[in-house]
C-alpha cells in the first residue's frame, strides 16, 4: 500500500503520465514520465500542483496525438518554412 500517494498516474484515453516524487540533496521535486515512440520522456517540477497540471495537459496531448507538434521549437518551425497550423484547411 502506498503511504504518500506516489507514484500518481494521470490517464487520458489510452495515454498515461506518471508523477513521481524524488528527494535530492534535501529538496523534493516531482518528475513526470511518459513514453513516446518507444522512449521514456521526463520533465521535472518543484511543486506537486504544477506537476499535476502539466501531467493532465501532457496526457491530453498524447491521447490526441498532438505531442509531435508540441515538440517542435520555434527554430524547427522556421526551417520548415511554414507555421505549424498552416497545414490545416480553412472553411
Protein backbone atom coordinates (compact mmCIF):
# COMPACT_ATOMS: atom_id res chain seq x y z
CA UNK A 1 0.00 0.00 0.00
CA UNK A 2 1.28 3.46 -0.91
CA UNK A 3 1.74 5.67 2.14
CA UNK A 4 2.29 9.00 0.44
CA UNK A 5 0.18 8.56 -2.71
CA UNK A 6 3.11 8.41 -5.13
CA UNK A 7 3.55 7.47 -7.89
CA UNK A 8 0.37 9.03 -9.24
CA UNK A 9 -0.90 8.12 -12.68
CA UNK A 10 -2.85 10.61 -14.81
CA UNK A 11 -4.76 8.97 -17.69
CA UNK A 12 -6.49 10.39 -20.72
CA UNK A 13 -7.80 7.85 -23.19
CA UNK A 14 -5.09 5.23 -23.60
CA UNK A 15 -2.28 7.66 -22.65
CA UNK A 16 -0.86 7.77 -19.14
CA UNK A 17 1.63 10.06 -17.41
CA UNK A 18 3.25 9.16 -14.07
CA UNK A 19 4.09 11.71 -11.39
CA UNK A 20 6.98 10.51 -9.22
CA UNK A 21 8.36 12.18 -6.10
CA UNK A 22 12.13 12.36 -5.60
CA UNK A 23 14.34 13.68 -2.82
CA UNK A 24 17.74 15.05 -3.82
CA UNK A 25 20.14 16.98 -1.56
CA UNK A 26 17.34 17.71 0.87
CA UNK A 27 14.98 19.09 -1.79
CA UNK A 28 11.82 17.42 -3.03
CA UNK A 29 11.00 17.54 -6.72
CA UNK A 30 8.39 15.88 -8.90
CA UNK A 31 9.13 14.14 -12.19
CA UNK A 32 6.68 13.42 -14.99
CA UNK A 33 7.36 10.29 -17.01
CA UNK A 34 5.67 9.14 -20.20
CA UNK A 35 6.55 7.04 -23.23
CA UNK A 36 6.72 8.47 -26.74
CA UNK A 37 7.87 6.49 -29.79
CA UNK A 38 9.38 3.79 -27.59
CA UNK A 39 11.42 6.21 -25.48
CA UNK A 40 10.82 7.45 -21.96
CA UNK A 41 10.44 11.23 -21.68
CA UNK A 42 10.71 13.20 -18.44
CA UNK A 43 10.11 16.70 -17.08
CA UNK A 44 10.87 17.99 -13.56
CA UNK A 45 8.79 20.34 -11.40
CA UNK A 46 9.28 21.93 -7.98
CA UNK A 47 5.74 21.54 -6.65
CA UNK A 48 3.05 18.92 -6.99
CA UNK A 49 0.39 21.37 -8.24
CA UNK A 50 2.46 22.39 -11.26
CA UNK A 51 3.39 18.75 -11.94
CA UNK A 52 -0.25 17.64 -11.79
CA UNK A 53 -1.39 20.41 -14.14
CA UNK A 54 1.40 19.58 -16.61
CA UNK A 55 0.60 15.86 -16.40
CA UNK A 56 -3.06 16.47 -17.25
CA UNK A 57 -2.05 18.62 -20.23
CA UNK A 58 0.58 16.14 -21.42
CA UNK A 59 -1.81 13.18 -21.15
CA UNK A 60 -4.42 15.06 -23.19
CA UNK A 61 -1.81 15.91 -25.85
CA UNK A 62 -0.66 12.29 -26.03
CA UNK A 63 -4.19 10.95 -26.37
CA UNK A 64 -5.00 13.45 -29.17
CA UNK A 65 -1.69 12.81 -30.95
CA UNK A 66 -0.66 16.48 -30.71
CA UNK A 67 2.64 15.76 -28.99
CA UNK A 68 4.69 15.85 -32.20
CA UNK A 69 3.51 19.41 -32.87
CA UNK A 70 4.18 20.40 -29.27
CA UNK A 71 7.78 19.15 -29.51
CA UNK A 72 8.63 21.49 -32.39
CA UNK A 73 10.60 24.53 -31.29
CA UNK A 74 10.39 27.93 -32.94
CA UNK A 75 13.62 27.27 -34.83
CA UNK A 76 12.25 23.99 -36.22
CA UNK A 77 9.18 25.81 -37.48
CA UNK A 78 11.39 28.37 -39.23
CA UNK A 79 13.29 25.60 -41.04
CA UNK A 80 10.06 24.02 -42.30
CA UNK A 81 9.08 27.35 -43.85
CA UNK A 82 5.51 27.21 -42.60
CA UNK A 83 3.79 27.91 -39.31
CA UNK A 84 2.55 24.78 -37.54
CA UNK A 85 -1.13 25.43 -38.28
CA UNK A 86 -0.83 26.27 -41.99
CA UNK A 87 -1.39 22.63 -42.96
CA UNK A 88 -4.94 22.78 -41.62
CA UNK A 89 -7.69 23.51 -44.10
CA UNK A 90 -9.83 26.56 -43.60
CA UNK A 91 -13.51 26.67 -44.42
